[in-house]
Amino acid sequence: MSDLLLKMPLQYEPLKKNRWILRFPADLGIQEWWLSSASVPSINIEDKKIPFLNTQTHVAGNYTWSDITLKFRSPIGPSASQALMEWIRLVAESVTGRMGYAIGYKRNLELELLDPNGVTVSKWIIVNAYPTSFEGGDLTYSSDDLIEHTMKIAYDYAILAY
């Protein structure tokens, strides 16, 4: 019976959801420790069908990278909401109505997955990322939970470096 079970090697160590760091460029002032959750880059490839008689052939069409959702804790100081809104203001300034140039607001981010010792074992480079939405969080007198901000990030493409 025991020979039917998969024998996992002793040196096997899985990646875990709580071992990661998302690094932002220093000029944005966004601290890595503010993040409480993030999604990993994902890609969608269109399926194109080529019909012929009573059948069809499939080929790959255009592809798109899905937005990344980030959740930030909101400390009193330094202010996470202020730093996030400063990045958004590079894209769109609500007071003046001006829009920024892509070269001014797009940034490369690095998502690092860590082993138990904190060594980077997998790294995503998220190229030309910028914020597309911001949610300040919910307030209620009936809870003492932490305030979290949600931001969606669009990007041109991602590279799985290793």
C-alpha atoms as a PDB file:
ATOM      1  CA  MET A   1       0.000   0.000   0.000  1.00  0.00           C
ATOM      2  CA  SER A   2       2.773   2.460   0.888  1.00  0.00           C
ATOM      3  CA  ASP A   3       4.333   2.011  -2.547  1.00  0.00           C
ATOM      4  CA  LEU A   4       1.150   3.524  -4.060  1.00  0.00           C
ATOM      5  CA  LEU A   5       1.761   6.836  -2.307  1.00  0.00           C
ATOM      6  CA  LEU A   6       3.852   9.501  -3.944  1.00  0.00           C
ATOM      7  CA  LYS A   7       7.180   9.750  -2.210  1.00  0.00           C
ATOM      8  CA  MET A   8       8.039  13.414  -1.764  1.00  0.00           C
ATOM      9  CA  PRO A   9      11.775  14.111  -1.543  1.00  0.00           C
ATOM     10  CA  LEU A  10      12.907  15.332   1.864  1.00  0.00           C
ATOM     11  CA  GLN A  11      14.586  18.412   0.384  1.00  0.00           C
ATOM     12  CA  TYR A  12      11.296  19.569  -1.183  1.00  0.00           C
ATOM     13  CA  GLU A  13      10.240  23.013   0.071  1.00  0.00           C
ATOM     14  CA  PRO A  14       7.175  24.627  -1.511  1.00  0.00           C
ATOM     15  CA  LEU A  15       6.807  28.340  -2.146  1.00  0.00           C
ATOM     16  CA  LYS A  16       4.374  29.877   0.328  1.00  0.00           C
ATOM     17  CA  LYS A  17       1.881  32.697  -0.135  1.00  0.00           C
ATOM     18  CA  ASN A  18       3.297  34.713   2.763  1.00  0.00           C
ATOM     19  CA  ARG A  19       6.921  34.893   1.563  1.00  0.00           C
ATOM     20  CA  TRP A  20       7.195  37.726  -0.947  1.00  0.00           C
ATOM     21  CA  ILE A  21       8.222  41.334  -1.374  1.00  0.00           C
ATOM     22  CA  LEU A  22       7.032  43.799  -4.006  1.00  0.00           C
ATOM     23  CA  ARG A  23       9.663  46.464  -4.573  1.00  0.00           C
ATOM     24  CA  PHE A  24       8.799  49.948  -5.817  1.00  0.00           C
ATOM     25  CA  PRO A  25      11.243  52.572  -7.137  1.00  0.00           C
ATOM     26  CA  ALA A  26      12.551  54.787  -4.323  1.00  0.00           C
ATOM     27  CA  ASP A  27      11.222  57.985  -5.918  1.00  0.00           C
ATOM     28  CA  LEU A  28       7.610  56.851  -5.301  1.00  0.00           C
ATOM     29  CA  GLY A  29       8.127  56.591  -1.533  1.00  0.00           C
ATOM     30  CA  ILE A  30       5.977  53.437  -1.294  1.00  0.00           C
ATOM     31  CA  GLN A  31       7.207  51.115   1.470  1.00  0.00           C
ATOM     32  CA  GLU A  32       7.256  47.336   0.860  1.00  0.00           C
ATOM     33  CA  TRP A  33       5.935  46.576   4.355  1.00  0.00           C
ATOM     34  CA  TRP A  34       2.679  48.455   3.693  1.00  0.00           C
ATOM     35  CA  LEU A  35       1.478  45.672   1.390  1.00  0.00           C
ATOM     36  CA  SER A  36      -0.784  42.999   2.838  1.00  0.00           C
ATOM     37  CA  SER A  37      -1.609  41.162  -0.409  1.00  0.00           C
ATOM     38  CA  ALA A  38      -0.801  41.185  -4.109  1.00  0.00           C
ATOM     39  CA  SER A  39      -1.666  39.146  -7.156  1.00  0.00           C
ATOM     40  CA  VAL A  40       0.996  37.540  -9.347  1.00  0.00           C
ATOM     41  CA  PRO A  41       1.156  38.582 -13.043  1.00  0.00           C
ATOM     42  CA  SER A  42      -1.131  36.589 -15.316  1.00  0.00           C
ATOM     43  CA  ILE A  43      -1.518  36.478 -19.075  1.00  0.00           C
ATOM     44  CA  ASN A  44      -4.524  35.737 -21.300  1.00  0.00           C
ATOM     45  CA  ILE A  45      -4.006  34.517 -24.877  1.00  0.00           C
ATOM     46  CA  GLU A  46      -6.923  34.751 -27.295  1.00  0.00           C
ATOM     47  CA  ASP A  47      -7.948  31.608 -29.129  1.00  0.00           C
ATOM     48  CA  LYS A  48      -8.520  32.232 -32.840  1.00  0.00           C
ATOM     49  CA  LYS A  49     -10.545  29.669 -34.752  1.00  0.00           C
ATOM     50  CA  ILE A  50      -9.999  29.017 -38.455  1.00  0.00           C
ATOM     51  CA  PRO A  51     -13.070  27.228 -39.812  1.00  0.00           C
ATOM     52  CA  PHE A  52     -12.798  24.812 -42.713  1.00  0.00           C
ATOM     53  CA  LEU A  53     -15.645  22.560 -43.886  1.00  0.00           C
ATOM     54  CA  ASN A  54     -16.991  20.732 -40.820  1.00  0.00           C
ATOM     55  CA  THR A  55     -14.045  21.413 -38.519  1.00  0.00           C
ATOM     56  CA  GLN A  56     -11.787  24.156 -37.262  1.00  0.00           C
ATOM     57  CA  THR A  57      -8.156  24.753 -36.397  1.00  0.00           C
ATOM     58  CA  HIS A  58      -7.011  26.807 -33.404  1.00  0.00           C
ATOM     59  CA  VAL A  59      -4.146  29.300 -33.365  1.00  0.00           C
ATOM     60  CA  ALA A  60      -2.991  31.843 -30.815  1.00  0.00           C
ATOM     61  CA  GLY A  61      -4.255  35.402 -31.183  1.00  0.00           C
ATOM     62  CA  ASN A  62      -3.373  38.563 -29.283  1.00  0.00           C
ATOM     63  CA  TYR A  63      -2.401  38.345 -25.656  1.00  0.00           C
ATOM     64  CA  THR A  64      -3.015  40.687 -22.731  1.00  0.00           C
ATOM     65  CA  TRP A  65      -1.603  40.900 -19.241  1.00  0.00           C
ATOM     66  CA  SER A  66      -4.217  41.093 -16.471  1.00  0.00           C
ATOM     67  CA  ASP A  67      -4.135  43.939 -13.954  1.00  0.00           C
ATOM     68  CA  ILE A  68      -2.463  43.298 -10.613  1.00  0.00           C
ATOM     69  CA  THR A  69      -4.483  44.003  -7.466  1.00  0.00           C
ATOM     70  CA  LEU A  70      -2.560  45.316  -4.451  1.00  0.00           C
ATOM     71  CA  LYS A  71      -3.827  45.784  -0.893  1.00  0.00           C
ATOM     72  CA  PHE A  72      -1.978  48.202   1.376  1.00  0.00           C
ATOM     73  CA  ARG A  73      -2.141  48.621   5.149  1.00  0.00           C
ATOM     74  CA  SER A  74      -2.574  52.264   6.114  1.00  0.00           C
ATOM     75  CA  PRO A  75      -0.233  53.388   8.904  1.00  0.00           C
ATOM     76  CA  ILE A  76      -0.633  56.820  10.505  1.00  0.00           C
ATOM     77  CA  GLY A  77       2.898  57.765   9.601  1.00  0.00           C
ATOM     78  CA  PRO A  78       4.410  57.626   7.087  1.00  0.00           C
ATOM     79  CA  SER A  79       1.119  57.961   5.217  1.00  0.00           C
ATOM     80  CA  ALA A  80       0.492  55.158   2.738  1.00  0.00           C
ATOM     81  CA  SER A  81      -2.510  56.927   1.236  1.00  0.00           C
ATOM     82  CA  GLN A  82      -0.440  60.069   0.600  1.00  0.00           C
ATOM     83  CA  ALA A  83       2.325  58.148  -1.202  1.00  0.00           C
ATOM     84  CA  LEU A  84      -0.168  56.172  -3.308  1.00  0.00           C
ATOM     85  CA  MET A  85      -2.074  59.315  -4.252  1.00  0.00           C
ATOM     86  CA  GLU A  86       1.165  61.048  -5.265  1.00  0.00           C
ATOM     87  CA  TRP A  87       1.742  58.236  -7.810  1.00  0.00           C
ATOM     88  CA  ILE A  88      -1.843  58.594  -9.033  1.00  0.00           C
ATOM     89  CA  ARG A  89      -1.315  62.365  -9.406  1.00  0.00           C
ATOM     90  CA  LEU A  90       1.506  61.616 -11.836  1.00  0.00           C
ATOM     91  CA  VAL A  91      -1.130  59.896 -14.015  1.00  0.00           C
ATOM     92  CA  ALA A  92      -4.098  62.228 -13.453  1.00  0.00           C
ATOM     93  CA  GLU A  93      -4.303  65.376 -11.329  1.00  0.00           C
ATOM     94  CA  SER A  94      -7.877  65.828 -10.081  1.00  0.00           C
ATOM     95  CA  VAL A  95      -7.429  69.475  -9.026  1.00  0.00           C
ATOM     96  CA  THR A  96      -6.186  70.783 -12.373  1.00  0.00           C
ATOM     97  CA  GLY A  97      -7.527  68.052 -14.692  1.00  0.00           C
ATOM     98  CA  ARG A  98      -4.119  67.581 -16.284  1.00  0.00           C
ATOM     99  CA  MET A  99      -2.918  64.142 -17.392  1.00  0.00           C
ATOM    100  CA  GLY A 100       0.710  63.084 -17.128  1.00  0.00           C
ATOM    101  CA  TYR A 101       3.059  61.734 -19.765  1.00  0.00           C
ATOM    102  CA  ALA A 102       3.647  57.963 -19.672  1.00  0.00           C
ATOM    103  CA  ILE A 103       7.372  58.512 -19.164  1.00  0.00           C
ATOM    104  CA  GLY A 104       6.519  60.383 -15.958  1.00  0.00           C
ATOM    105  CA  TYR A 105       4.216  57.835 -14.321  1.00  0.00           C
ATOM    106  CA  LYS A 106       5.194  54.362 -15.610  1.00  0.00           C
ATOM    107  CA  ARG A 107       7.593  52.461 -13.327  1.00  0.00           C
ATOM    108  CA  ASN A 108       9.163  48.996 -13.230  1.00  0.00           C
ATOM    109  CA  LEU A 109       8.288  46.922 -10.151  1.00  0.00           C
ATOM    110  CA  GLU A 110       9.933  43.750  -8.857  1.00  0.00           C
ATOM    111  CA  LEU A 111       7.980  40.935  -7.211  1.00  0.00           C
ATOM    112  CA  GLU A 112      10.289  38.577  -5.325  1.00  0.00           C
ATOM    113  CA  LEU A 113       9.210  35.203  -3.951  1.00  0.00           C
ATOM    114  CA  LEU A 114      11.326  34.122  -0.980  1.00  0.00           C
ATOM    115  CA  ASP A 115      12.537  30.883   0.589  1.00  0.00           C
ATOM    116  CA  PRO A 116      12.324  30.275   4.392  1.00  0.00           C
ATOM    117  CA  ASN A 117      15.604  32.182   4.895  1.00  0.00           C
ATOM    118  CA  GLY A 118      14.449  35.266   2.979  1.00  0.00           C
ATOM    119  CA  VAL A 119      16.511  34.538  -0.145  1.00  0.00           C
ATOM    120  CA  THR A 120      14.859  35.421  -3.457  1.00  0.00           C
ATOM    121  CA  VAL A 121      14.114  32.209  -5.373  1.00  0.00           C
ATOM    122  CA  SER A 122      11.769  33.613  -8.017  1.00  0.00           C
ATOM    123  CA  LYS A 123      11.563  37.123  -9.441  1.00  0.00           C
ATOM    124  CA  TRP A 124       9.010  38.854 -11.639  1.00  0.00           C
ATOM    125  CA  ILE A 125       9.925  42.145 -13.320  1.00  0.00           C
ATOM    126  CA  ILE A 126       6.715  44.080 -13.964  1.00  0.00           C
ATOM    127  CA  VAL A 127       7.503  46.491 -16.790  1.00  0.00           C
ATOM    128  CA  ASN A 128       5.935  49.960 -17.187  1.00  0.00           C
ATOM    129  CA  ALA A 129       3.425  49.635 -14.350  1.00  0.00           C
ATOM    130  CA  TYR A 130       1.061  52.439 -13.363  1.00  0.00           C
ATOM    131  CA  PRO A 131      -2.034  52.750 -11.164  1.00  0.00           C
ATOM    132  CA  THR A 132      -5.463  52.493 -12.797  1.00  0.00           C
ATOM    133  CA  SER A 133      -7.671  52.588  -9.699  1.00  0.00           C
ATOM    134  CA  PHE A 134      -7.535  53.362  -5.980  1.00  0.00           C
ATOM    135  CA  GLU A 135     -10.020  52.504  -3.239  1.00  0.00           C
ATOM    136  CA  GLY A 136      -9.510  54.146   0.148  1.00  0.00           C
ATOM    137  CA  GLY A 137     -11.217  51.396   2.161  1.00  0.00           C
ATOM    138  CA  ASP A 138     -14.329  51.189   4.316  1.00  0.00           C
ATOM    139  CA  LEU A 139     -14.949  52.804   7.677  1.00  0.00           C
ATOM    140  CA  THR A 140     -17.308  51.553  10.385  1.00  0.00           C
ATOM    141  CA  TYR A 141     -17.768  52.203  14.097  1.00  0.00           C
ATOM    142  CA  SER A 142     -18.455  48.499  14.668  1.00  0.00           C
ATOM    143  CA  SER A 143     -14.938  47.240  13.887  1.00  0.00           C
ATOM    144  CA  ASP A 144     -11.347  47.911  14.907  1.00  0.00           C
ATOM    145  CA  ASP A 145      -9.869  46.221  11.813  1.00  0.00           C
ATOM    146  CA  LEU A 146      -7.018  47.874   9.949  1.00  0.00           C
ATOM    147  CA  ILE A 147      -7.825  50.257   7.117  1.00  0.00           C
ATOM    148  CA  GLU A 148      -6.667  48.853   3.801  1.00  0.00           C
ATOM    149  CA  HIS A 149      -6.289  50.647   0.478  1.00  0.00           C
ATOM    150  CA  THR A 150      -6.778  48.722  -2.764  1.00  0.00           C
ATOM    151  CA  MET A 151      -4.931  49.714  -5.926  1.00  0.00           C
ATOM    152  CA  LYS A 152      -5.032  48.139  -9.366  1.00  0.00           C
ATOM    153  CA  ILE A 153      -1.886  48.262 -11.467  1.00  0.00           C
ATOM    154  CA  ALA A 154      -1.780  47.972 -15.266  1.00  0.00           C
ATOM    155  CA  TYR A 155       1.501  47.167 -16.995  1.00  0.00           C
ATOM    156  CA  ASP A 156       2.866  46.537 -20.472  1.00  0.00           C
ATOM    157  CA  TYR A 157       4.318  43.087 -19.773  1.00  0.00           C
ATOM    158  CA  ALA A 158       6.010  40.979 -17.110  1.00  0.00           C
ATOM    159  CA  ILE A 159       9.206  38.934 -17.199  1.00  0.00           C
ATOM    160  CA  LEU A 160       9.729  35.884 -15.011  1.00  0.00           C
ATOM    161  CA  ALA A 161      13.492  36.361 -14.542  1.00  0.00           C
ATOM    162  CA  TYR A 162      13.985  33.154 -12.515  1.00  0.00           C
END
